[in-house]
Amino acid sequence: MKLRRTLLSIGLALSVVGPAGAASLPEQLDLARQDGDRLAQTEIIQRILHVEPANRELREDLANLWLEIEDYDRAEKTVQDEALVSPSLRTRVLARVLYSRDGKKDEAIALLADFHNKTPDDLAVTRQLAESMAATGQFQPLVTLLDQAPGVNSDAPLLITRAEARRSLLDFKGALDDFAAAGKIGSEDSAVVSRRPAFERLAEAQNHITAASAVLEKNPTDAAALLSRAYWYLYSGFGATLAKADAEAARQAEPAFISARLLYALAAHSSGALSAENARKDLLVDVSKPMPAWKNLDLIFRDDGVLKKQPRDAKTLAARAFQLNDIQQYFLAEGDADAAIALAPTDATARVEKIYALVKRKEYEPAASEFRKLESGKPPAAKLASAASYLTDAAFAEARFEIALDYINRAIKAQPKPQYYKQRAAVLQRLNRGAEADADLAQAGALQKKASR
């Protein structure tokens, strides 16, 4: 590419004096376009226009190049002479200059709209007007514009623009219909390909929203349907306000349901109605964590239902703590674990879940204290090993390798599993005990091989 640009520069110089064999300006322009060299293109086109001022195609190319490199003054100057440019090009360039250089977005949109009203079949103006409306959040006028403008239904990018506007207006069915139509016109169009994952996600959500809505038409307080619709509104990425309303209704129907509280906090935060600090302080929900998978939320909802009937069911409280830990809601998990321990102090499962939640929140000393309580109760070997493994990770993360070694030794003593030997090998390597680490890795391999027989 450097060689080509060098030759291009030589060609530009030679074209001034015009010796035999020098590349013509159109040939030089082709080379510049192949290289994607915008500055070279502007220089060459200006030379050609000096000879052919009425070449509208090149003048349009030049104006667009100036816009691409954000030289709005030169773009404006290029279309200054109305006799040398088409009305469409002049309108589009002046609107872009108003919008981007001068910050006069309303005036730019008005200029485009006025031209569109006079020449509604000019798709280039329609496209720029639609894009400007979308960028300024004028979604309903945009949809109205594209519903009425000729040629939209055979133009994939414009259908995508309308689909996205309808999605922002929460008209999910209309959005999906437009996207499907765009896909039929140009399945490999870049606008279609780049948006396909988002619209596939929306389609998945819409199926569940439709099903939940059908249930709610018959029973508006059905907590399961409210939570399902809230979840899928939130999942769509565009229905946070609707999700908040449904989750709030679910909370009113079932005030003790953790699933409703969790979804409400996530939706309210996503819609801007609840700060992360207040979500944590008032609801014990960490909104910085990823949105849970539906299967996890459904399991929590099922545990909610059991606890509604049997609020002192320690086993179900511990099970819900496990699910909450699994979706990284450690404060809620600790609360359930504490409730289970209060009902059944010797319940090893609940205490292990509490240790896990504390470790994940980097509350290492309280976690160590809980481990001692667990150990003194002589729990099942698997529970003790799991808890010791969690504390091994915690100590390792703080570079407290001797403490980590002590915990992992306890895990292996309780349950000599391959994963624990590998974990100890990592600790031993940090303690510069390579030979012992290698031995642990060999032992892990031997146990895995034995288990696979």
Protein backbone atom coordinates (compact mmCIF):
# COMPACT_ATOMS: atom_id res chain seq x y z
CA MET A 1 0.00 0.00 0.00
CA LYS A 2 2.85 2.39 0.77
CA LEU A 3 4.30 1.72 -2.71
CA ARG A 4 0.94 2.40 -4.33
CA ARG A 5 0.56 5.68 -2.43
CA THR A 6 4.08 6.67 -3.45
CA LEU A 7 3.22 5.99 -7.08
CA LEU A 8 -0.02 7.92 -6.60
CA SER A 9 1.91 10.93 -5.32
CA ILE A 10 4.30 10.70 -8.27
CA GLY A 11 1.30 10.44 -10.59
CA LEU A 12 -0.21 13.56 -9.09
CA ALA A 13 3.02 15.45 -9.59
CA LEU A 14 3.47 14.22 -13.17
CA SER A 15 -0.13 15.03 -14.06
CA VAL A 16 0.65 18.70 -13.53
CA VAL A 17 3.41 18.82 -16.14
CA GLY A 18 1.75 16.14 -18.28
CA PRO A 19 4.62 13.97 -19.60
CA ALA A 20 3.80 11.01 -21.78
CA GLY A 21 2.87 7.92 -19.77
CA ALA A 22 1.61 9.75 -16.67
CA ALA A 23 -1.51 8.18 -15.10
CA SER A 24 -4.70 10.01 -15.92
CA LEU A 25 -6.67 11.66 -13.13
CA PRO A 26 -9.51 9.10 -13.36
CA GLU A 27 -6.92 6.31 -13.08
CA GLN A 28 -5.36 8.00 -10.06
CA LEU A 29 -8.83 8.35 -8.53
CA ASP A 30 -9.43 4.62 -8.96
CA LEU A 31 -6.16 3.88 -7.15
CA ALA A 32 -7.06 6.23 -4.31
CA ARG A 33 -10.48 4.60 -3.96
CA GLN A 34 -8.91 1.14 -3.87
CA ASP A 35 -6.60 2.32 -1.09
CA GLY A 36 -9.43 4.01 0.78
CA ASP A 37 -7.31 7.17 0.82
CA ARG A 38 -9.93 9.87 1.34
CA LEU A 39 -7.55 12.82 1.30
CA ALA A 40 -6.06 11.72 -2.00
CA GLN A 41 -9.56 11.31 -3.41
CA THR A 42 -10.53 14.84 -2.43
CA GLU A 43 -7.39 16.23 -4.09
CA ILE A 44 -7.92 14.34 -7.33
CA ILE A 45 -11.65 15.07 -7.54
CA GLN A 46 -10.99 18.78 -7.05
CA ARG A 47 -8.54 18.65 -9.97
CA ILE A 48 -11.11 16.93 -12.16
CA LEU A 49 -13.85 19.38 -11.14
CA HIS A 50 -11.57 22.24 -12.05
CA VAL A 51 -11.80 20.93 -15.62
CA GLU A 52 -15.35 19.50 -15.39
CA PRO A 53 -17.27 21.75 -12.93
CA ALA A 54 -20.64 20.34 -13.99
CA ASN A 55 -19.73 16.74 -13.09
CA ARG A 56 -22.49 16.27 -10.52
CA GLU A 57 -21.53 12.70 -9.65
CA LEU A 58 -18.00 13.65 -8.63
CA ARG A 59 -19.20 16.80 -6.87
CA GLU A 60 -21.51 14.61 -4.79
CA ASP A 61 -18.63 12.24 -4.05
CA LEU A 62 -16.50 15.20 -2.97
CA ALA A 63 -19.20 16.61 -0.71
CA ASN A 64 -19.68 13.22 0.93
CA LEU A 65 -15.93 12.83 1.41
CA TRP A 66 -15.75 16.20 3.16
CA LEU A 67 -18.58 15.07 5.43
CA GLU A 68 -16.82 11.78 6.16
CA ILE A 69 -13.66 13.57 7.29
CA GLU A 70 -15.82 16.14 9.09
CA ASP A 71 -14.64 19.13 7.08
CA TYR A 72 -18.05 20.76 7.13
CA ASP A 73 -16.88 24.13 5.80
CA ARG A 74 -15.58 22.56 2.59
CA ALA A 75 -18.65 20.37 2.29
CA GLU A 76 -20.84 23.46 2.46
CA LYS A 77 -18.67 25.28 -0.07
CA THR A 78 -18.84 22.31 -2.48
CA VAL A 79 -22.63 22.63 -2.78
CA GLN A 80 -22.74 26.42 -2.65
CA ASP A 81 -23.48 26.87 -6.35
CA GLU A 82 -27.04 25.60 -6.83
CA ALA A 83 -26.51 25.31 -10.58
CA LEU A 84 -23.77 22.71 -10.12
CA VAL A 85 -25.49 20.32 -7.69
CA SER A 86 -28.80 18.55 -7.45
CA PRO A 87 -31.36 19.97 -5.00
CA SER A 88 -31.30 16.65 -3.14
CA LEU A 89 -27.54 16.71 -2.59
CA ARG A 90 -27.55 20.35 -1.57
CA THR A 91 -30.35 19.74 0.95
CA ARG A 92 -28.67 16.69 2.45
CA VAL A 93 -25.28 18.36 2.78
CA LEU A 94 -26.65 21.59 4.26
CA ALA A 95 -28.78 19.60 6.70
CA ARG A 96 -25.77 17.58 7.80
CA VAL A 97 -23.74 20.77 8.26
CA LEU A 98 -26.53 22.29 10.36
CA TYR A 99 -26.86 19.10 12.41
CA SER A 100 -23.20 18.24 12.99
CA ARG A 101 -21.25 21.49 12.72
CA ASP A 102 -23.74 24.02 14.02
CA GLY A 103 -25.64 21.80 16.46
CA LYS A 104 -28.93 23.05 15.00
CA LYS A 105 -30.61 19.68 14.94
CA ASP A 106 -34.19 20.91 14.78
CA GLU A 107 -33.37 23.20 11.87
CA ALA A 108 -31.61 20.36 10.06
CA ILE A 109 -34.61 18.07 10.50
CA ALA A 110 -36.98 20.82 9.39
CA LEU A 111 -34.91 21.40 6.23
CA LEU A 112 -35.01 17.70 5.36
CA ALA A 113 -38.71 17.42 6.20
CA ASP A 114 -39.57 20.37 3.99
CA PHE A 115 -37.71 18.82 1.05
CA HIS A 116 -39.27 15.42 1.75
CA ASN A 117 -42.77 16.91 1.71
CA LYS A 118 -42.09 18.31 -1.77
CA THR A 119 -40.24 15.24 -3.07
CA PRO A 120 -41.44 12.27 -1.00
CA ASP A 121 -39.92 9.66 -3.32
CA ASP A 122 -36.33 10.82 -2.70
CA LEU A 123 -35.10 7.89 -0.58
CA ALA A 124 -31.73 9.50 0.15
CA VAL A 125 -33.45 12.42 1.87
CA THR A 126 -35.92 10.06 3.55
CA ARG A 127 -33.04 8.02 4.91
CA GLN A 128 -31.17 11.01 6.33
CA LEU A 129 -34.36 12.45 7.82
CA ALA A 130 -35.17 9.11 9.46
CA GLU A 131 -31.66 8.75 10.85
CA SER A 132 -31.79 12.28 12.30
CA MET A 133 -35.17 11.61 13.91
CA ALA A 134 -33.90 8.34 15.40
CA ALA A 135 -30.80 10.06 16.80
CA THR A 136 -32.95 12.70 18.50
CA GLY A 137 -35.47 10.20 19.88
CA GLN A 138 -38.38 11.23 17.66
CA PHE A 139 -39.56 7.66 17.24
CA GLN A 140 -43.28 8.16 16.68
CA PRO A 141 -42.83 10.84 13.99
CA LEU A 142 -40.19 8.59 12.42
CA VAL A 143 -42.60 5.65 12.23
CA THR A 144 -45.28 7.91 10.75
CA LEU A 145 -42.79 9.22 8.20
CA LEU A 146 -41.70 5.76 7.09
CA ASP A 147 -45.26 4.42 7.06
CA GLN A 148 -46.15 7.08 4.48
CA ALA A 149 -42.93 7.48 2.46
CA PRO A 150 -42.83 5.68 -0.91
CA GLY A 151 -40.31 2.89 -1.36
CA VAL A 152 -39.72 2.11 2.31
CA ASN A 153 -41.22 -1.38 2.18
CA SER A 154 -38.69 -2.44 -0.45
CA ASP A 155 -35.66 -0.92 1.28
CA ALA A 156 -34.05 -3.17 3.94
CA PRO A 157 -32.08 -0.44 5.81
CA LEU A 158 -35.16 1.80 6.09
CA LEU A 159 -37.22 -1.14 7.34
CA ILE A 160 -34.56 -1.76 9.97
CA THR A 161 -34.70 1.91 10.98
CA ARG A 162 -38.47 1.66 11.38
CA ALA A 163 -38.15 -1.65 13.23
CA GLU A 164 -35.78 -0.09 15.75
CA ALA A 165 -38.09 2.90 16.21
CA ARG A 166 -41.05 0.61 16.83
CA ARG A 167 -38.99 -1.40 19.28
CA SER A 168 -38.17 1.79 21.19
CA LEU A 169 -41.92 2.54 21.26
CA LEU A 170 -42.43 -0.99 22.71
CA ASP A 171 -44.34 -2.11 19.62
CA PHE A 172 -42.45 -5.38 19.61
CA LYS A 173 -44.73 -7.14 17.14
CA GLY A 174 -44.46 -4.29 14.63
CA ALA A 175 -40.70 -4.21 15.09
CA LEU A 176 -40.39 -7.93 14.45
CA ASP A 177 -42.64 -7.70 11.38
CA ASP A 178 -40.42 -4.96 9.94
CA PHE A 179 -37.26 -6.91 10.67
CA ALA A 180 -38.70 -10.02 9.02
CA ALA A 181 -39.61 -7.97 5.95
CA ALA A 182 -36.10 -6.50 5.81
CA GLY A 183 -34.65 -10.01 6.03
CA LYS A 184 -36.73 -11.17 3.06
CA ILE A 185 -35.48 -8.26 0.97
CA GLY A 186 -31.82 -8.57 1.90
CA SER A 187 -30.88 -11.37 4.28
CA GLU A 188 -27.18 -10.56 3.82
CA ASP A 189 -27.59 -6.78 3.98
CA SER A 190 -25.19 -5.44 6.62
CA ALA A 191 -28.03 -3.65 8.44
CA VAL A 192 -29.93 -6.92 8.71
CA VAL A 193 -26.94 -9.06 9.66
CA SER A 194 -25.67 -6.71 12.37
CA ARG A 195 -29.12 -6.43 14.01
CA ARG A 196 -30.15 -10.06 13.71
CA PRO A 197 -28.96 -11.18 17.20
CA ALA A 198 -30.86 -8.34 18.91
CA PHE A 199 -34.07 -9.06 17.02
CA GLU A 200 -33.77 -12.79 17.61
CA ARG A 201 -33.53 -11.96 21.30
CA LEU A 202 -36.60 -9.75 20.97
CA ALA A 203 -38.49 -12.54 19.18
CA GLU A 204 -37.73 -14.96 22.00
CA ALA A 205 -38.93 -12.42 24.56
CA GLN A 206 -42.06 -11.61 22.57
CA ASN A 207 -43.18 -15.25 22.53
CA HIS A 208 -43.06 -15.38 26.33
CA ILE A 209 -44.63 -11.92 26.70
CA THR A 210 -47.55 -12.99 24.51
CA ALA A 211 -48.07 -16.17 26.54
CA ALA A 212 -47.95 -14.33 29.86
CA SER A 213 -50.28 -11.62 28.59
CA ALA A 214 -52.85 -14.24 27.64
CA VAL A 215 -52.84 -15.52 31.23
CA LEU A 216 -53.05 -12.02 32.66
CA GLU A 217 -56.09 -11.19 30.54
CA LYS A 218 -57.96 -13.80 32.54
CA ASN A 219 -56.25 -13.20 35.89
CA PRO A 220 -54.47 -9.81 36.21
CA THR A 221 -52.93 -10.72 39.58
CA ASP A 222 -51.37 -14.04 38.57
CA ALA A 223 -47.91 -13.69 40.13
CA ALA A 224 -46.27 -16.30 37.90
CA ALA A 225 -47.47 -14.57 34.72
CA LEU A 226 -46.57 -11.12 36.04
CA LEU A 227 -43.05 -12.27 36.84
CA SER A 228 -42.68 -14.05 33.53
CA ARG A 229 -43.76 -11.00 31.56
CA ALA A 230 -41.58 -8.72 33.71
CA TYR A 231 -38.59 -10.95 33.11
CA TRP A 232 -39.02 -11.08 29.34
CA TYR A 233 -39.72 -7.37 29.07
CA LEU A 234 -36.42 -6.80 30.85
CA TYR A 235 -34.68 -9.46 28.78
CA SER A 236 -35.72 -7.69 25.57
CA GLY A 237 -33.49 -4.77 26.53
CA PHE A 238 -36.20 -2.20 25.85
CA GLY A 239 -39.05 -2.87 28.27
CA ALA A 240 -37.57 -1.90 31.63
CA THR A 241 -40.46 0.41 32.52
CA LEU A 242 -43.04 -2.25 31.69
CA ALA A 243 -40.98 -4.84 33.57
CA LYS A 244 -40.91 -2.59 36.62
CA ALA A 245 -44.70 -2.22 36.56
CA ASP A 246 -45.25 -5.98 36.30
CA ALA A 247 -42.68 -6.82 38.97
CA GLU A 248 -44.23 -4.23 41.28
CA ALA A 249 -47.65 -5.81 40.72
CA ALA A 250 -46.14 -9.22 41.49
CA ARG A 251 -44.69 -7.85 44.73
CA GLN A 252 -48.10 -6.54 45.72
CA ALA A 253 -49.61 -9.93 44.99
CA GLU A 254 -46.82 -11.86 46.77
CA PRO A 255 -44.92 -9.50 49.13
CA ALA A 256 -42.64 -12.23 50.50
CA PHE A 257 -41.46 -13.55 47.14
CA ILE A 258 -37.72 -12.99 46.64
CA SER A 259 -38.15 -13.50 42.90
CA ALA A 260 -40.49 -10.50 42.72
CA ARG A 261 -38.18 -8.34 44.82
CA LEU A 262 -35.19 -9.26 42.70
CA LEU A 263 -36.92 -8.53 39.38
CA TYR A 264 -38.37 -5.30 40.69
CA ALA A 265 -34.93 -4.06 41.75
CA LEU A 266 -33.33 -4.98 38.43
CA ALA A 267 -36.13 -3.39 36.38
CA ALA A 268 -36.39 -0.27 38.53
CA HIS A 269 -32.65 0.26 38.32
CA SER A 270 -32.62 -0.36 34.57
CA SER A 271 -35.42 2.20 34.08
CA GLY A 272 -33.61 4.77 36.21
CA ALA A 273 -36.11 4.67 39.07
CA LEU A 274 -33.81 3.04 41.65
CA SER A 275 -30.15 3.68 42.41
CA ALA A 276 -27.72 0.83 42.92
CA GLU A 277 -27.12 2.05 46.47
CA ASN A 278 -30.82 1.98 47.37
CA ALA A 279 -31.30 -1.40 45.69
CA ARG A 280 -28.61 -2.79 47.94
CA LYS A 281 -29.67 -0.89 51.07
CA ASP A 282 -33.43 -1.34 50.89
CA LEU A 283 -33.85 -4.58 48.94
CA LEU A 284 -30.51 -6.41 49.43
CA VAL A 285 -30.23 -6.74 45.64
CA ASP A 286 -26.91 -6.18 43.89
CA VAL A 287 -27.95 -4.70 40.53
CA SER A 288 -24.35 -4.79 39.26
CA LYS A 289 -24.63 -8.54 38.82
CA PRO A 290 -25.79 -10.08 35.53
CA MET A 291 -29.45 -10.67 34.91
CA PRO A 292 -30.20 -14.25 35.98
CA ALA A 293 -31.22 -16.93 33.51
CA TRP A 294 -34.93 -17.66 33.49
CA LYS A 295 -34.40 -21.20 34.77
CA ASN A 296 -32.70 -19.83 37.91
CA LEU A 297 -35.43 -17.31 38.54
CA ASP A 298 -38.08 -19.99 38.02
CA LEU A 299 -36.42 -22.19 40.66
CA ILE A 300 -36.37 -19.27 43.08
CA PHE A 301 -40.04 -18.64 42.34
CA ARG A 302 -40.82 -22.28 43.09
CA ASP A 303 -38.98 -22.03 46.42
CA ASP A 304 -40.93 -18.83 47.11
CA GLY A 305 -44.15 -20.80 46.64
CA VAL A 306 -43.05 -23.54 49.04
CA LEU A 307 -42.00 -20.99 51.66
CA LYS A 308 -45.31 -19.18 51.35
CA LYS A 309 -47.00 -22.34 52.61
CA GLN A 310 -44.18 -23.43 54.96
CA PRO A 311 -42.21 -20.34 56.01
CA ARG A 312 -40.17 -22.34 58.55
CA ASP A 313 -38.90 -24.87 56.01
CA ALA A 314 -35.14 -24.69 56.63
CA LYS A 315 -34.33 -27.05 53.77
CA THR A 316 -36.11 -24.84 51.22
CA LEU A 317 -34.50 -21.72 52.64
CA ALA A 318 -31.10 -23.34 52.16
CA ALA A 319 -32.06 -24.40 48.64
CA ARG A 320 -33.11 -20.84 47.79
CA ALA A 321 -29.83 -19.57 49.26
CA PHE A 322 -28.02 -21.90 46.85
CA GLN A 323 -29.95 -20.51 43.88
CA LEU A 324 -29.30 -16.92 45.00
CA ASN A 325 -25.59 -17.66 45.33
CA ASP A 326 -25.68 -19.18 41.87
CA ILE A 327 -26.93 -15.88 40.39
CA GLN A 328 -24.43 -13.87 42.47
CA GLN A 329 -27.01 -12.28 44.77
CA TYR A 330 -24.89 -12.86 47.83
CA PHE A 331 -26.70 -10.55 50.27
CA LEU A 332 -30.03 -12.26 49.65
CA ALA A 333 -28.33 -15.66 49.84
CA GLU A 334 -26.81 -14.83 53.22
CA GLY A 335 -30.22 -13.74 54.49
CA ASP A 336 -31.78 -17.07 53.54
CA ALA A 337 -28.84 -19.00 54.96
CA ASP A 338 -29.14 -17.14 58.26
CA ALA A 339 -32.88 -17.85 58.39
CA ALA A 340 -32.25 -21.55 57.74
CA ILE A 341 -29.50 -21.73 60.38
CA ALA A 342 -31.77 -20.04 62.92
CA LEU A 343 -34.36 -22.76 62.32
CA ALA A 344 -31.84 -25.63 62.08
CA PRO A 345 -28.47 -24.69 63.65
CA THR A 346 -26.87 -27.96 62.64
CA ASP A 347 -27.91 -27.67 58.97
CA ALA A 348 -24.57 -27.94 57.19
CA THR A 349 -26.03 -26.99 53.79
CA ALA A 350 -27.21 -23.59 54.99
CA ARG A 351 -23.89 -22.81 56.69
CA VAL A 352 -21.92 -23.77 53.58
CA GLU A 353 -24.09 -21.40 51.55
CA LYS A 354 -23.43 -18.65 54.05
CA ILE A 355 -19.68 -19.27 53.89
CA TYR A 356 -19.83 -19.12 50.09
CA ALA A 357 -21.75 -15.83 50.14
CA LEU A 358 -19.32 -14.29 52.65
CA VAL A 359 -16.28 -15.41 50.64
CA LYS A 360 -17.72 -13.93 47.45
CA ARG A 361 -18.28 -10.64 49.26
CA LYS A 362 -14.69 -10.81 50.54
CA GLU A 363 -15.87 -11.05 54.14
CA TYR A 364 -13.07 -13.47 54.96
CA GLU A 365 -12.97 -13.31 58.76
CA PRO A 366 -16.72 -13.91 59.20
CA ALA A 367 -16.41 -16.75 56.67
CA ALA A 368 -13.60 -18.31 58.71
CA SER A 369 -15.71 -18.01 61.85
CA GLU A 370 -18.61 -19.78 60.12
CA PHE A 371 -16.21 -22.52 58.98
CA ARG A 372 -15.16 -23.20 62.55
CA LYS A 373 -18.82 -23.55 63.53
CA LEU A 374 -19.38 -25.89 60.61
CA GLU A 375 -16.35 -27.99 61.47
CA SER A 376 -17.30 -28.30 65.13
CA GLY A 377 -20.67 -29.76 64.13
CA LYS A 378 -19.00 -32.69 62.33
CA PRO A 379 -20.80 -32.16 59.01
CA PRO A 380 -20.86 -34.57 56.04
CA ALA A 381 -17.42 -34.84 54.46
CA ALA A 382 -18.54 -33.33 51.16
CA LYS A 383 -19.93 -30.21 52.87
CA LEU A 384 -16.78 -29.68 54.91
CA ALA A 385 -14.59 -30.14 51.83
CA SER A 386 -16.62 -27.64 49.80
CA ALA A 387 -16.45 -25.00 52.51
CA ALA A 388 -12.71 -25.54 52.97
CA SER A 389 -12.24 -25.18 49.22
CA TYR A 390 -14.09 -21.85 49.22
CA LEU A 391 -11.85 -20.55 51.98
CA THR A 392 -8.80 -21.83 50.13
CA ASP A 393 -9.76 -19.63 47.20
CA ALA A 394 -10.31 -16.68 49.51
CA ALA A 395 -6.91 -17.02 51.16
CA PHE A 396 -5.23 -17.62 47.81
CA ALA A 397 -6.74 -14.41 46.42
CA GLU A 398 -5.17 -12.48 49.30
CA ALA A 399 -1.79 -14.21 48.78
CA ARG A 400 -2.10 -15.89 52.20
CA PHE A 401 -0.75 -19.14 50.85
CA GLU A 402 0.04 -20.89 54.15
CA ILE A 403 -3.55 -20.34 55.28
CA ALA A 404 -4.78 -21.51 51.89
CA LEU A 405 -2.69 -24.65 52.28
CA ASP A 406 -4.21 -25.37 55.67
CA TYR A 407 -7.74 -25.13 54.30
CA ILE A 408 -7.09 -27.25 51.23
CA ASN A 409 -5.41 -29.89 53.39
CA ARG A 410 -8.64 -30.09 55.36
CA ALA A 411 -10.64 -30.41 52.14
CA ILE A 412 -8.48 -33.28 50.92
CA LYS A 413 -8.60 -35.00 54.28
CA ALA A 414 -12.40 -34.81 54.24
CA GLN A 415 -12.82 -35.79 50.60
CA PRO A 416 -9.77 -36.60 48.41
CA LYS A 417 -11.17 -35.48 45.06
CA PRO A 418 -9.14 -34.57 41.94
CA GLN A 419 -10.27 -30.94 41.99
CA TYR A 420 -8.90 -30.45 45.49
CA TYR A 421 -5.52 -31.96 44.59
CA LYS A 422 -5.34 -29.55 41.66
CA GLN A 423 -6.26 -26.68 43.95
CA ARG A 424 -3.52 -27.68 46.40
CA ALA A 425 -1.03 -27.96 43.53
CA ALA A 426 -1.69 -24.30 42.68
CA VAL A 427 -1.07 -23.30 46.30
CA LEU A 428 2.11 -25.38 46.52
CA GLN A 429 3.47 -23.81 43.36
CA ARG A 430 3.06 -20.37 44.92
CA LEU A 431 4.99 -21.66 47.93
CA ASN A 432 7.81 -22.79 45.64
CA ARG A 433 7.16 -26.44 46.42
CA GLY A 434 7.16 -27.60 42.84
CA ALA A 435 7.86 -31.28 43.43
CA GLU A 436 4.89 -31.59 45.80
CA ALA A 437 2.72 -29.67 43.34
CA ASP A 438 3.67 -32.09 40.58
CA ALA A 439 2.84 -35.00 42.83
CA ASP A 440 -0.62 -33.54 43.54
CA LEU A 441 -1.27 -33.06 39.83
CA ALA A 442 -0.26 -36.66 39.20
CA GLN A 443 -2.58 -37.81 41.99
CA ALA A 444 -5.44 -35.76 40.50
CA GLY A 445 -4.83 -37.41 37.13
CA ALA A 446 -4.77 -40.86 38.66
CA LEU A 447 -8.07 -40.26 40.49
CA GLN A 448 -9.71 -38.94 37.32
CA LYS A 449 -8.52 -41.96 35.37
CA LYS A 450 -9.82 -44.29 38.05
CA ALA A 451 -13.21 -42.54 38.10
CA SER A 452 -13.57 -42.84 34.32
CA ARG A 453 -13.24 -46.65 34.33
